[in-house]
């Protein structure tokens, strides 16, 4: 008889667990579509849905022409990394990115904000650093 009670108690516990699980599932929010997610988060696949161009002015910290990456110290103290490519417009340097002398060069970068790295659309050399 004790086995029968234990079995009934186990079945009751299992039933209660199933009812609680079922009710919890009923209260869940419906899944978002990718468009709804992108609209709420402001981005899709790491890039903003509205490709607004932003501008940052500061001093070049370093540039790697092989990897097509540069780092700029913004006037507000942030260090911001950018990727660039053959479509990036370079203004004020005779030899494109190879004409950018190095750290201390004053630049203005027009870019599209991205995740994890921002994409430079235009890099303007405002003042070259003195040659070392």
C-alpha atoms as a PDB file:
ATOM      1  CA  UNK A   1       0.000   0.000   0.000  1.00  0.00           C
ATOM      2  CA  UNK A   2       2.876   2.390   0.675  1.00  0.00           C
ATOM      3  CA  UNK A   3       4.103   1.794  -2.878  1.00  0.00           C
ATOM      4  CA  UNK A   4       0.678   2.761  -4.196  1.00  0.00           C
ATOM      5  CA  UNK A   5       0.670   6.021  -2.222  1.00  0.00           C
ATOM      6  CA  UNK A   6       4.195   6.826  -3.364  1.00  0.00           C
ATOM      7  CA  UNK A   7       3.177   6.192  -6.972  1.00  0.00           C
ATOM      8  CA  UNK A   8       0.086   8.435  -6.598  1.00  0.00           C
ATOM      9  CA  UNK A   9       2.168  11.179  -4.965  1.00  0.00           C
ATOM     10  CA  UNK A  10       4.683  10.982  -7.814  1.00  0.00           C
ATOM     11  CA  UNK A  11       1.930  11.230 -10.424  1.00  0.00           C
ATOM     12  CA  UNK A  12       0.416  14.226  -8.619  1.00  0.00           C
ATOM     13  CA  UNK A  13       3.806  15.960  -8.524  1.00  0.00           C
ATOM     14  CA  UNK A  14       4.367  15.275 -12.218  1.00  0.00           C
ATOM     15  CA  UNK A  15       0.906  16.642 -13.061  1.00  0.00           C
ATOM     16  CA  UNK A  16       1.528  19.835 -11.093  1.00  0.00           C
ATOM     17  CA  UNK A  17       4.896  20.274 -12.827  1.00  0.00           C
ATOM     18  CA  UNK A  18       3.308  19.850 -16.266  1.00  0.00           C
ATOM     19  CA  UNK A  19       0.560  22.388 -15.487  1.00  0.00           C
ATOM     20  CA  UNK A  20       3.116  24.949 -14.262  1.00  0.00           C
ATOM     21  CA  UNK A  21       5.299  24.416 -17.344  1.00  0.00           C
ATOM     22  CA  UNK A  22       2.322  24.699 -19.685  1.00  0.00           C
ATOM     23  CA  UNK A  23       1.124  27.955 -18.079  1.00  0.00           C
ATOM     24  CA  UNK A  24       4.616  29.433 -18.233  1.00  0.00           C
ATOM     25  CA  UNK A  25       4.778  28.663 -21.957  1.00  0.00           C
ATOM     26  CA  UNK A  26       1.413  30.338 -22.524  1.00  0.00           C
ATOM     27  CA  UNK A  27       2.682  33.604 -20.984  1.00  0.00           C
ATOM     28  CA  UNK A  28       5.734  33.896 -23.243  1.00  0.00           C
ATOM     29  CA  UNK A  29       5.873  36.728 -25.731  1.00  0.00           C
ATOM     30  CA  UNK A  30       5.669  35.802 -29.410  1.00  0.00           C
ATOM     31  CA  UNK A  31       8.993  35.585 -31.214  1.00  0.00           C
ATOM     32  CA  UNK A  32      10.116  38.664 -33.121  1.00  0.00           C
ATOM     33  CA  UNK A  33      10.787  38.597 -36.818  1.00  0.00           C
ATOM     34  CA  UNK A  34      14.235  39.759 -37.977  1.00  0.00           C
ATOM     35  CA  UNK A  35      12.688  42.999 -39.241  1.00  0.00           C
ATOM     36  CA  UNK A  36      11.093  43.700 -35.851  1.00  0.00           C
ATOM     37  CA  UNK A  37      14.378  42.895 -34.114  1.00  0.00           C
ATOM     38  CA  UNK A  38      16.340  45.160 -36.463  1.00  0.00           C
ATOM     39  CA  UNK A  39      13.863  47.989 -35.987  1.00  0.00           C
ATOM     40  CA  UNK A  40      14.036  47.694 -32.207  1.00  0.00           C
ATOM     41  CA  UNK A  41      17.793  47.288 -32.030  1.00  0.00           C
ATOM     42  CA  UNK A  42      18.550  49.788 -34.787  1.00  0.00           C
ATOM     43  CA  UNK A  43      20.746  47.327 -36.639  1.00  0.00           C
ATOM     44  CA  UNK A  44      20.701  44.115 -38.623  1.00  0.00           C
ATOM     45  CA  UNK A  45      23.653  41.747 -38.914  1.00  0.00           C
ATOM     46  CA  UNK A  46      25.843  44.221 -37.077  1.00  0.00           C
ATOM     47  CA  UNK A  47      25.161  47.220 -39.328  1.00  0.00           C
ATOM     48  CA  UNK A  48      22.632  49.942 -38.727  1.00  0.00           C
ATOM     49  CA  UNK A  49      19.486  49.665 -40.809  1.00  0.00           C
ATOM     50  CA  UNK A  50      19.733  53.368 -41.668  1.00  0.00           C
ATOM     51  CA  UNK A  51      23.269  53.865 -42.928  1.00  0.00           C
ATOM     52  CA  UNK A  52      23.658  57.407 -41.638  1.00  0.00           C
ATOM     53  CA  UNK A  53      27.079  58.900 -42.246  1.00  0.00           C
ATOM     54  CA  UNK A  54      28.756  60.342 -39.180  1.00  0.00           C
ATOM     55  CA  UNK A  55      31.841  62.527 -38.890  1.00  0.00           C
ATOM     56  CA  UNK A  56      34.691  62.304 -36.389  1.00  0.00           C
ATOM     57  CA  UNK A  57      37.692  64.612 -36.126  1.00  0.00           C
ATOM     58  CA  UNK A  58      40.869  63.766 -34.262  1.00  0.00           C
ATOM     59  CA  UNK A  59      44.486  62.674 -34.453  1.00  0.00           C
ATOM     60  CA  UNK A  60      45.645  59.515 -36.147  1.00  0.00           C
ATOM     61  CA  UNK A  61      47.107  57.038 -33.658  1.00  0.00           C
ATOM     62  CA  UNK A  62      48.117  54.381 -36.203  1.00  0.00           C
ATOM     63  CA  UNK A  63      47.282  53.084 -39.646  1.00  0.00           C
ATOM     64  CA  UNK A  64      47.838  49.602 -41.096  1.00  0.00           C
ATOM     65  CA  UNK A  65      47.646  49.760 -44.912  1.00  0.00           C
ATOM     66  CA  UNK A  66      47.987  45.958 -45.187  1.00  0.00           C
ATOM     67  CA  UNK A  67      44.913  45.293 -43.037  1.00  0.00           C
ATOM     68  CA  UNK A  68      43.167  48.522 -44.149  1.00  0.00           C
ATOM     69  CA  UNK A  69      42.522  49.624 -40.564  1.00  0.00           C
ATOM     70  CA  UNK A  70      43.215  52.874 -38.746  1.00  0.00           C
ATOM     71  CA  UNK A  71      42.759  54.160 -35.208  1.00  0.00           C
ATOM     72  CA  UNK A  72      41.887  57.784 -34.416  1.00  0.00           C
ATOM     73  CA  UNK A  73      41.964  59.594 -31.070  1.00  0.00           C
ATOM     74  CA  UNK A  74      38.782  61.673 -31.162  1.00  0.00           C
ATOM     75  CA  UNK A  75      38.719  65.192 -29.756  1.00  0.00           C
ATOM     76  CA  UNK A  76      36.459  63.942 -26.927  1.00  0.00           C
ATOM     77  CA  UNK A  77      39.108  61.418 -25.796  1.00  0.00           C
ATOM     78  CA  UNK A  78      37.682  58.245 -27.364  1.00  0.00           C
ATOM     79  CA  UNK A  79      39.838  55.963 -29.497  1.00  0.00           C
ATOM     80  CA  UNK A  80      37.868  54.840 -32.547  1.00  0.00           C
ATOM     81  CA  UNK A  81      38.847  52.143 -35.038  1.00  0.00           C
ATOM     82  CA  UNK A  82      37.860  52.267 -38.700  1.00  0.00           C
ATOM     83  CA  UNK A  83      38.189  49.907 -41.628  1.00  0.00           C
ATOM     84  CA  UNK A  84      38.566  51.307 -45.130  1.00  0.00           C
ATOM     85  CA  UNK A  85      38.813  49.906 -48.641  1.00  0.00           C
ATOM     86  CA  UNK A  86      39.381  50.917 -52.239  1.00  0.00           C
ATOM     87  CA  UNK A  87      36.052  52.758 -52.236  1.00  0.00           C
ATOM     88  CA  UNK A  88      37.077  55.033 -49.352  1.00  0.00           C
ATOM     89  CA  UNK A  89      37.787  58.560 -50.584  1.00  0.00           C
ATOM     90  CA  UNK A  90      41.144  59.919 -49.372  1.00  0.00           C
ATOM     91  CA  UNK A  91      41.454  63.729 -49.433  1.00  0.00           C
ATOM     92  CA  UNK A  92      44.663  65.694 -48.800  1.00  0.00           C
ATOM     93  CA  UNK A  93      47.207  62.905 -49.253  1.00  0.00           C
ATOM     94  CA  UNK A  94      49.070  62.665 -52.571  1.00  0.00           C
ATOM     95  CA  UNK A  95      49.501  58.890 -52.425  1.00  0.00           C
ATOM     96  CA  UNK A  96      46.143  57.849 -50.968  1.00  0.00           C
ATOM     97  CA  UNK A  97      46.430  56.093 -47.615  1.00  0.00           C
ATOM     98  CA  UNK A  98      50.155  55.598 -48.237  1.00  0.00           C
ATOM     99  CA  UNK A  99      50.472  59.401 -48.153  1.00  0.00           C
ATOM    100  CA  UNK A 100      49.225  59.561 -44.562  1.00  0.00           C
ATOM    101  CA  UNK A 101      52.411  60.002 -42.541  1.00  0.00           C
ATOM    102  CA  UNK A 102      51.443  58.519 -39.204  1.00  0.00           C
ATOM    103  CA  UNK A 103      50.513  59.269 -35.639  1.00  0.00           C
ATOM    104  CA  UNK A 104      49.719  62.878 -34.872  1.00  0.00           C
ATOM    105  CA  UNK A 105      48.235  63.527 -38.308  1.00  0.00           C
ATOM    106  CA  UNK A 106      45.012  65.467 -37.935  1.00  0.00           C
ATOM    107  CA  UNK A 107      42.120  63.749 -39.779  1.00  0.00           C
ATOM    108  CA  UNK A 108      38.411  63.992 -40.315  1.00  0.00           C
ATOM    109  CA  UNK A 109      36.671  60.676 -40.977  1.00  0.00           C
ATOM    110  CA  UNK A 110      33.201  60.295 -42.451  1.00  0.00           C
ATOM    111  CA  UNK A 111      31.974  56.820 -41.565  1.00  0.00           C
ATOM    112  CA  UNK A 112      29.087  54.443 -41.197  1.00  0.00           C
ATOM    113  CA  UNK A 113      28.754  53.107 -37.678  1.00  0.00           C
ATOM    114  CA  UNK A 114      29.114  49.372 -37.548  1.00  0.00           C
ATOM    115  CA  UNK A 115      29.646  46.496 -35.201  1.00  0.00           C
ATOM    116  CA  UNK A 116      32.335  45.669 -34.290  1.00  0.00           C
ATOM    117  CA  UNK A 117      34.172  48.180 -36.519  1.00  0.00           C
ATOM    118  CA  UNK A 118      33.154  51.399 -38.237  1.00  0.00           C
ATOM    119  CA  UNK A 119      33.547  51.686 -42.027  1.00  0.00           C
ATOM    120  CA  UNK A 120      35.292  54.839 -43.280  1.00  0.00           C
ATOM    121  CA  UNK A 121      33.710  56.347 -46.385  1.00  0.00           C
ATOM    122  CA  UNK A 122      35.995  59.391 -46.567  1.00  0.00           C
ATOM    123  CA  UNK A 123      39.259  60.278 -44.809  1.00  0.00           C
ATOM    124  CA  UNK A 124      40.450  63.888 -45.054  1.00  0.00           C
ATOM    125  CA  UNK A 125      43.928  64.884 -43.954  1.00  0.00           C
ATOM    126  CA  UNK A 126      43.567  68.210 -42.148  1.00  0.00           C
ATOM    127  CA  UNK A 127      47.215  68.565 -41.078  1.00  0.00           C
ATOM    128  CA  UNK A 128      50.112  66.153 -41.506  1.00  0.00           C
ATOM    129  CA  UNK A 129      52.305  65.406 -38.529  1.00  0.00           C
ATOM    130  CA  UNK A 130      55.897  66.616 -38.758  1.00  0.00           C
ATOM    131  CA  UNK A 131      58.149  64.044 -40.419  1.00  0.00           C
ATOM    132  CA  UNK A 132      60.240  62.104 -37.987  1.00  0.00           C
END
